[in-house]
């Protein structure tokens, strides 16, 4: 790598709105603030809820349940 053309790689503190805090390295300096992190995101915590808008999930399950039974019998 050429010297003098890359930004400095510094230690920064990352803070989430939930109160979680950790340190990492980045080209940004100072502190990084997040709205959501892996400690409070519903996908990672297992508290994710499937929102069924207009019965789309049920319609999908019925559609592919029919296809599965046809494949097994045919």
PDB file of N, CA and C in Angstrom:
ATOM      1  N   UNK A   1       0.833  -1.187   0.000  1.00  0.00           N
ATOM      2  CA  UNK A   1       0.000   0.000   0.000  1.00  0.00           C
ATOM      3  C   UNK A   1       0.874   1.245   0.000  1.00  0.00           C
ATOM      4  N   UNK A   2       0.400   2.246  -0.694  1.00  0.00           N
ATOM      5  CA  UNK A   2       1.124   3.510  -0.706  1.00  0.00           C
ATOM      6  C   UNK A   2       0.923   4.219   0.621  1.00  0.00           C
ATOM      7  N   UNK A   3       1.952   4.863   1.087  1.00  0.00           N
ATOM      8  CA  UNK A   3       1.834   5.580   2.349  1.00  0.00           C
ATOM      9  C   UNK A   3       1.278   6.986   2.107  1.00  0.00           C
ATOM     10  N   UNK A   4       0.488   7.454   3.049  1.00  0.00           N
ATOM     11  CA  UNK A   4      -0.036   8.811   2.995  1.00  0.00           C
ATOM     12  C   UNK A   4      -1.330   8.985   2.217  1.00  0.00           C
ATOM     13  N   UNK A   5      -1.873   7.934   1.583  1.00  0.00           N
ATOM     14  CA  UNK A   5      -3.111   8.114   0.818  1.00  0.00           C
ATOM     15  C   UNK A   5      -4.331   7.492   1.506  1.00  0.00           C
ATOM     16  N   UNK A   6      -4.117   6.700   2.534  1.00  0.00           N
ATOM     17  CA  UNK A   6      -5.215   6.037   3.224  1.00  0.00           C
ATOM     18  C   UNK A   6      -5.569   6.783   4.506  1.00  0.00           C
ATOM     19  N   UNK A   7      -6.866   6.840   4.842  1.00  0.00           N
ATOM     20  CA  UNK A   7      -7.255   7.507   6.088  1.00  0.00           C
ATOM     21  C   UNK A   7      -6.797   6.682   7.294  1.00  0.00           C
ATOM     22  N   UNK A   8      -6.612   7.325   8.426  1.00  0.00           N
ATOM     23  CA  UNK A   8      -6.165   6.590   9.621  1.00  0.00           C
ATOM     24  C   UNK A   8      -7.250   5.624  10.105  1.00  0.00           C
ATOM     25  N   UNK A   9      -6.833   4.470  10.584  1.00  0.00           N
ATOM     26  CA  UNK A   9      -7.726   3.424  11.073  1.00  0.00           C
ATOM     27  C   UNK A   9      -7.671   3.470  12.585  1.00  0.00           C
ATOM     28  N   UNK A  10      -8.712   4.042  13.205  1.00  0.00           N
ATOM     29  CA  UNK A  10      -8.686   4.337  14.634  1.00  0.00           C
ATOM     30  C   UNK A  10      -9.680   3.488  15.411  1.00  0.00           C
ATOM     31  N   UNK A  11      -9.477   3.437  16.719  1.00  0.00           N
ATOM     32  CA  UNK A  11     -10.391   2.774  17.626  1.00  0.00           C
ATOM     33  C   UNK A  11     -11.570   3.704  17.894  1.00  0.00           C
ATOM     34  N   UNK A  12     -12.808   3.237  17.674  1.00  0.00           N
ATOM     35  CA  UNK A  12     -14.004   4.050  17.908  1.00  0.00           C
ATOM     36  C   UNK A  12     -14.958   3.294  18.832  1.00  0.00           C
ATOM     37  N   UNK A  13     -15.790   4.037  19.526  1.00  0.00           N
ATOM     38  CA  UNK A  13     -16.816   3.470  20.393  1.00  0.00           C
ATOM     39  C   UNK A  13     -18.144   3.511  19.663  1.00  0.00           C
ATOM     40  N   UNK A  14     -18.855   2.398  19.664  1.00  0.00           N
ATOM     41  CA  UNK A  14     -20.161   2.311  19.022  1.00  0.00           C
ATOM     42  C   UNK A  14     -21.200   2.217  20.131  1.00  0.00           C
ATOM     43  N   UNK A  15     -22.228   3.079  20.094  1.00  0.00           N
ATOM     44  CA  UNK A  15     -23.290   3.079  21.093  1.00  0.00           C
ATOM     45  C   UNK A  15     -24.637   2.930  20.405  1.00  0.00           C
ATOM     46  N   UNK A  16     -25.457   2.053  20.966  1.00  0.00           N
ATOM     47  CA  UNK A  16     -26.796   1.837  20.432  1.00  0.00           C
ATOM     48  C   UNK A  16     -27.807   2.561  21.320  1.00  0.00           C
ATOM     49  N   UNK A  17     -28.981   2.816  20.770  1.00  0.00           N
ATOM     50  CA  UNK A  17     -30.045   3.470  21.531  1.00  0.00           C
ATOM     51  C   UNK A  17     -30.516   2.598  22.696  1.00  0.00           C
ATOM     52  N   UNK A  18     -30.321   1.270  22.596  1.00  0.00           N
ATOM     53  CA  UNK A  18     -30.750   0.367  23.671  1.00  0.00           C
ATOM     54  C   UNK A  18     -29.785   0.391  24.857  1.00  0.00           C
ATOM     55  N   UNK A  19     -28.619   1.018  24.702  1.00  0.00           N
ATOM     56  CA  UNK A  19     -27.641   1.096  25.776  1.00  0.00           C
ATOM     57  C   UNK A  19     -26.435   0.199  25.564  1.00  0.00           C
ATOM     58  N   UNK A  20     -26.472  -0.649  24.566  1.00  0.00           N
ATOM     59  CA  UNK A  20     -25.341  -1.533  24.258  1.00  0.00           C
ATOM     60  C   UNK A  20     -24.169  -0.694  23.760  1.00  0.00           C
ATOM     61  N   UNK A  21     -22.943  -1.058  24.178  1.00  0.00           N
ATOM     62  CA  UNK A  21     -21.759  -0.287  23.808  1.00  0.00           C
ATOM     63  C   UNK A  21     -20.603  -1.246  23.562  1.00  0.00           C
ATOM     64  N   UNK A  22     -19.824  -1.003  22.493  1.00  0.00           N
ATOM     65  CA  UNK A  22     -18.644  -1.803  22.210  1.00  0.00           C
ATOM     66  C   UNK A  22     -17.643  -0.960  21.432  1.00  0.00           C
ATOM     67  N   UNK A  23     -16.433  -1.468  21.341  1.00  0.00           N
ATOM     68  CA  UNK A  23     -15.380  -0.759  20.619  1.00  0.00           C
ATOM     69  C   UNK A  23     -14.990  -1.554  19.382  1.00  0.00           C
ATOM     70  N   UNK A  24     -14.689  -0.835  18.328  1.00  0.00           N
ATOM     71  CA  UNK A  24     -14.252  -1.445  17.081  1.00  0.00           C
ATOM     72  C   UNK A  24     -13.278  -0.483  16.411  1.00  0.00           C
ATOM     73  N   UNK A  25     -12.783  -0.864  15.263  1.00  0.00           N
ATOM     74  CA  UNK A  25     -11.874   0.011  14.530  1.00  0.00           C
ATOM     75  C   UNK A  25     -12.564   0.496  13.270  1.00  0.00           C
ATOM     76  N   UNK A  26     -12.321   1.764  12.922  1.00  0.00           N
ATOM     77  CA  UNK A  26     -12.966   2.355  11.761  1.00  0.00           C
ATOM     78  C   UNK A  26     -12.136   3.535  11.267  1.00  0.00           C
ATOM     79  N   UNK A  27     -12.441   3.975  10.035  1.00  0.00           N
ATOM     80  CA  UNK A  27     -11.809   5.177   9.516  1.00  0.00           C
ATOM     81  C   UNK A  27     -12.517   6.420  10.038  1.00  0.00           C
ATOM     82  N   UNK A  28     -13.687   6.233  10.653  1.00  0.00           N
ATOM     83  CA  UNK A  28     -14.372   7.367  11.301  1.00  0.00           C
ATOM     84  C   UNK A  28     -13.687   7.625  12.631  1.00  0.00           C
ATOM     85  N   UNK A  29     -13.711   8.845  13.079  1.00  0.00           N
ATOM     86  CA  UNK A  29     -13.112   9.130  14.374  1.00  0.00           C
ATOM     87  C   UNK A  29     -14.213   9.494  15.358  1.00  0.00           C
ATOM     88  N   UNK A  30     -13.947   9.295  16.617  1.00  0.00           N
ATOM     89  CA  UNK A  30     -14.913   9.656  17.651  1.00  0.00           C
ATOM     90  C   UNK A  30     -15.842   8.511  17.999  1.00  0.00           C
ATOM     91  N   UNK A  31     -17.138   8.829  18.036  1.00  0.00           N
ATOM     92  CA  UNK A  31     -18.140   7.869  18.474  1.00  0.00           C
ATOM     93  C   UNK A  31     -19.178   7.646  17.383  1.00  0.00           C
ATOM     94  N   UNK A  32     -19.623   6.398  17.233  1.00  0.00           N
ATOM     95  CA  UNK A  32     -20.662   6.055  16.267  1.00  0.00           C
ATOM     96  C   UNK A  32     -21.924   5.733  17.064  1.00  0.00           C
ATOM     97  N   UNK A  33     -23.050   6.346  16.696  1.00  0.00           N
ATOM     98  CA  UNK A  33     -24.316   6.085  17.381  1.00  0.00           C
ATOM     99  C   UNK A  33     -25.272   5.372  16.439  1.00  0.00           C
ATOM    100  N   UNK A  34     -25.894   4.298  16.953  1.00  0.00           N
ATOM    101  CA  UNK A  34     -26.821   3.490  16.167  1.00  0.00           C
ATOM    102  C   UNK A  34     -28.221   3.555  16.758  1.00  0.00           C
ATOM    103  N   UNK A  35     -29.233   3.354  15.917  1.00  0.00           N
ATOM    104  CA  UNK A  35     -30.607   3.262  16.393  1.00  0.00           C
ATOM    105  C   UNK A  35     -30.928   1.842  16.833  1.00  0.00           C
ATOM    106  N   UNK A  36     -30.323   0.866  16.168  1.00  0.00           N
ATOM    107  CA  UNK A  36     -30.624  -0.534  16.455  1.00  0.00           C
ATOM    108  C   UNK A  36     -29.364  -1.370  16.210  1.00  0.00           C
ATOM    109  N   UNK A  37     -29.151  -2.361  17.063  1.00  0.00           N
ATOM    110  CA  UNK A  37     -27.966  -3.221  16.933  1.00  0.00           C
ATOM    111  C   UNK A  37     -28.387  -4.682  17.021  1.00  0.00           C
ATOM    112  N   UNK A  38     -27.426  -5.582  16.990  1.00  0.00           N
ATOM    113  CA  UNK A  38     -27.743  -7.007  17.032  1.00  0.00           C
ATOM    114  C   UNK A  38     -28.300  -7.445  18.383  1.00  0.00           C
ATOM    115  N   UNK A  39     -28.068  -6.665  19.422  1.00  0.00           N
ATOM    116  CA  UNK A  39     -28.593  -7.018  20.745  1.00  0.00           C
ATOM    117  C   UNK A  39     -30.068  -6.677  20.890  1.00  0.00           C
ATOM    118  N   UNK A  40     -30.561  -5.729  20.097  1.00  0.00           N
ATOM    119  CA  UNK A  40     -31.961  -5.324  20.235  1.00  0.00           C
ATOM    120  C   UNK A  40     -32.777  -5.501  18.962  1.00  0.00           C
ATOM    121  N   UNK A  41     -32.153  -5.937  17.864  1.00  0.00           N
ATOM    122  CA  UNK A  41     -32.888  -6.128  16.612  1.00  0.00           C
ATOM    123  C   UNK A  41     -33.763  -7.375  16.713  1.00  0.00           C
ATOM    124  N   UNK A  42     -35.031  -7.297  16.310  1.00  0.00           N
ATOM    125  CA  UNK A  42     -35.947  -8.433  16.442  1.00  0.00           C
ATOM    126  C   UNK A  42     -35.481  -9.698  15.717  1.00  0.00           C
ATOM    127  N   UNK A  43     -34.793  -9.576  14.603  1.00  0.00           N
ATOM    128  CA  UNK A  43     -34.335 -10.751  13.867  1.00  0.00           C
ATOM    129  C   UNK A  43     -33.322 -11.542  14.686  1.00  0.00           C
ATOM    130  N   UNK A  44     -32.412 -10.874  15.359  1.00  0.00           N
ATOM    131  CA  UNK A  44     -31.364 -11.544  16.118  1.00  0.00           C
ATOM    132  C   UNK A  44     -31.827 -11.993  17.493  1.00  0.00           C
ATOM    133  N   UNK A  45     -32.826 -11.315  18.077  1.00  0.00           N
ATOM    134  CA  UNK A  45     -33.293 -11.670  19.415  1.00  0.00           C
ATOM    135  C   UNK A  45     -34.343 -12.769  19.390  1.00  0.00           C
ATOM    136  N   UNK A  46     -34.898 -13.087  18.217  1.00  0.00           N
ATOM    137  CA  UNK A  46     -35.918 -14.117  18.113  1.00  0.00           C
ATOM    138  C   UNK A  46     -37.312 -13.618  18.420  1.00  0.00           C
ATOM    139  N   UNK A  47     -37.480 -12.327  18.563  1.00  0.00           N
ATOM    140  CA  UNK A  47     -38.779 -11.742  18.876  1.00  0.00           C
ATOM    141  C   UNK A  47     -39.444 -11.160  17.633  1.00  0.00           C
ATOM    142  N   UNK A  48     -38.979 -11.599  16.465  1.00  0.00           N
ATOM    143  CA  UNK A  48     -39.527 -11.095  15.217  1.00  0.00           C
ATOM    144  C   UNK A  48     -40.932 -11.627  15.022  1.00  0.00           C
ATOM    145  N   UNK A  49     -41.833 -10.749  14.628  1.00  0.00           N
ATOM    146  CA  UNK A  49     -43.213 -11.133  14.387  1.00  0.00           C
ATOM    147  C   UNK A  49     -43.486 -11.026  12.897  1.00  0.00           C
ATOM    148  N   UNK A  50     -44.159 -12.026  12.373  1.00  0.00           N
ATOM    149  CA  UNK A  50     -44.512 -12.036  10.970  1.00  0.00           C
ATOM    150  C   UNK A  50     -45.825 -11.291  10.797  1.00  0.00           C
ATOM    151  N   UNK A  51     -45.795 -10.200  10.079  1.00  0.00           N
ATOM    152  CA  UNK A  51     -46.985  -9.400   9.860  1.00  0.00           C
ATOM    153  C   UNK A  51     -47.669  -9.910   8.605  1.00  0.00           C
ATOM    154  N   UNK A  52     -48.880 -10.413   8.763  1.00  0.00           N
ATOM    155  CA  UNK A  52     -49.634 -10.970   7.652  1.00  0.00           C
ATOM    156  C   UNK A  52     -50.574  -9.898   7.118  1.00  0.00           C
ATOM    157  N   UNK A  53     -50.227  -9.340   5.986  1.00  0.00           N
ATOM    158  CA  UNK A  53     -51.028  -8.296   5.370  1.00  0.00           C
ATOM    159  C   UNK A  53     -51.968  -8.922   4.363  1.00  0.00           C
ATOM    160  N   UNK A  54     -53.234  -8.811   4.605  1.00  0.00           N
ATOM    161  CA  UNK A  54     -54.287  -9.288   3.695  1.00  0.00           C
ATOM    162  C   UNK A  54     -54.196 -10.786   3.426  1.00  0.00           C
ATOM    163  N   UNK A  55     -53.739 -11.564   4.415  1.00  0.00           N
ATOM    164  CA  UNK A  55     -53.726 -13.011   4.277  1.00  0.00           C
ATOM    165  C   UNK A  55     -52.704 -13.556   3.300  1.00  0.00           C
ATOM    166  N   UNK A  56     -51.665 -12.818   3.009  1.00  0.00           N
ATOM    167  CA  UNK A  56     -50.677 -13.246   2.005  1.00  0.00           C
ATOM    168  C   UNK A  56     -49.908 -14.480   2.441  1.00  0.00           C
ATOM    169  N   UNK A  57     -49.571 -14.553   3.712  1.00  0.00           N
ATOM    170  CA  UNK A  57     -48.804 -15.700   4.192  1.00  0.00           C
ATOM    171  C   UNK A  57     -49.653 -16.966   4.099  1.00  0.00           C
ATOM    172  N   UNK A  58     -50.901 -16.878   4.532  1.00  0.00           N
ATOM    173  CA  UNK A  58     -51.796 -18.037   4.465  1.00  0.00           C
ATOM    174  C   UNK A  58     -52.037 -18.460   3.017  1.00  0.00           C
ATOM    175  N   UNK A  59     -52.205 -17.497   2.135  1.00  0.00           N
ATOM    176  CA  UNK A  59     -52.400 -17.794   0.717  1.00  0.00           C
ATOM    177  C   UNK A  59     -51.167 -18.492   0.137  1.00  0.00           C
ATOM    178  N   UNK A  60     -49.993 -18.051   0.521  1.00  0.00           N
ATOM    179  CA  UNK A  60     -48.748 -18.670   0.078  1.00  0.00           C
ATOM    180  C   UNK A  60     -48.668 -20.117   0.564  1.00  0.00           C
ATOM    181  N   UNK A  61     -48.996 -20.336   1.832  1.00  0.00           N
ATOM    182  CA  UNK A  61     -48.933 -21.693   2.395  1.00  0.00           C
ATOM    183  C   UNK A  61     -49.932 -22.623   1.715  1.00  0.00           C
ATOM    184  N   UNK A  62     -51.144 -22.144   1.443  1.00  0.00           N
ATOM    185  CA  UNK A  62     -52.137 -22.969   0.751  1.00  0.00           C
ATOM    186  C   UNK A  62     -51.673 -23.309  -0.663  1.00  0.00           C
ATOM    187  N   UNK A  63     -51.100 -22.326  -1.345  1.00  0.00           N
ATOM    188  CA  UNK A  63     -50.648 -22.530  -2.720  1.00  0.00           C
ATOM    189  C   UNK A  63     -49.572 -23.607  -2.787  1.00  0.00           C
ATOM    190  N   UNK A  64     -48.597 -23.531  -1.917  1.00  0.00           N
ATOM    191  CA  UNK A  64     -47.499 -24.486  -1.968  1.00  0.00           C
ATOM    192  C   UNK A  64     -47.823 -25.780  -1.256  1.00  0.00           C
ATOM    193  N   UNK A  65     -48.821 -25.816  -0.409  1.00  0.00           N
ATOM    194  CA  UNK A  65     -49.270 -27.080   0.174  1.00  0.00           C
ATOM    195  C   UNK A  65     -49.913 -27.932  -0.898  1.00  0.00           C
ATOM    196  N   UNK A  66     -50.644 -27.300  -1.804  1.00  0.00           N
ATOM    197  CA  UNK A  66     -51.266 -28.022  -2.917  1.00  0.00           C
ATOM    198  C   UNK A  66     -50.187 -28.611  -3.820  1.00  0.00           C
ATOM    199  N   UNK A  67     -49.191 -27.841  -4.152  1.00  0.00           N
ATOM    200  CA  UNK A  67     -48.113 -28.295  -5.016  1.00  0.00           C
ATOM    201  C   UNK A  67     -47.328 -29.439  -4.401  1.00  0.00           C
ATOM    202  N   UNK A  68     -47.148 -29.399  -3.101  1.00  0.00           N
ATOM    203  CA  UNK A  68     -46.393 -30.436  -2.414  1.00  0.00           C
ATOM    204  C   UNK A  68     -47.182 -31.744  -2.444  1.00  0.00           C
ATOM    205  N   UNK A  69     -48.485 -31.693  -2.214  1.00  0.00           N
ATOM    206  CA  UNK A  69     -49.283 -32.917  -2.225  1.00  0.00           C
ATOM    207  C   UNK A  69     -49.357 -33.510  -3.624  1.00  0.00           C
ATOM    208  N   UNK A  70     -49.371 -32.673  -4.659  1.00  0.00           N
ATOM    209  CA  UNK A  70     -49.383 -33.175  -6.035  1.00  0.00           C
ATOM    210  C   UNK A  70     -48.078 -33.885  -6.361  1.00  0.00           C
ATOM    211  N   UNK A  71     -46.967 -33.319  -5.885  1.00  0.00           N
ATOM    212  CA  UNK A  71     -45.667 -33.927  -6.152  1.00  0.00           C
ATOM    213  C   UNK A  71     -45.529 -35.277  -5.442  1.00  0.00           C
ATOM    214  N   UNK A  72     -46.045 -35.357  -4.230  1.00  0.00           N
ATOM    215  CA  UNK A  72     -45.925 -36.594  -3.471  1.00  0.00           C
ATOM    216  C   UNK A  72     -46.801 -37.699  -4.051  1.00  0.00           C
ATOM    217  N   UNK A  73     -47.995 -37.349  -4.541  1.00  0.00           N
ATOM    218  CA  UNK A  73     -48.906 -38.363  -5.072  1.00  0.00           C
ATOM    219  C   UNK A  73     -48.595 -38.714  -6.523  1.00  0.00           C
ATOM    220  N   UNK A  74     -47.974 -37.795  -7.256  1.00  0.00           N
ATOM    221  CA  UNK A  74     -47.754 -37.988  -8.693  1.00  0.00           C
ATOM    222  C   UNK A  74     -46.444 -38.565  -8.983  1.00  0.00           C
TER     223      UNK A  74
END
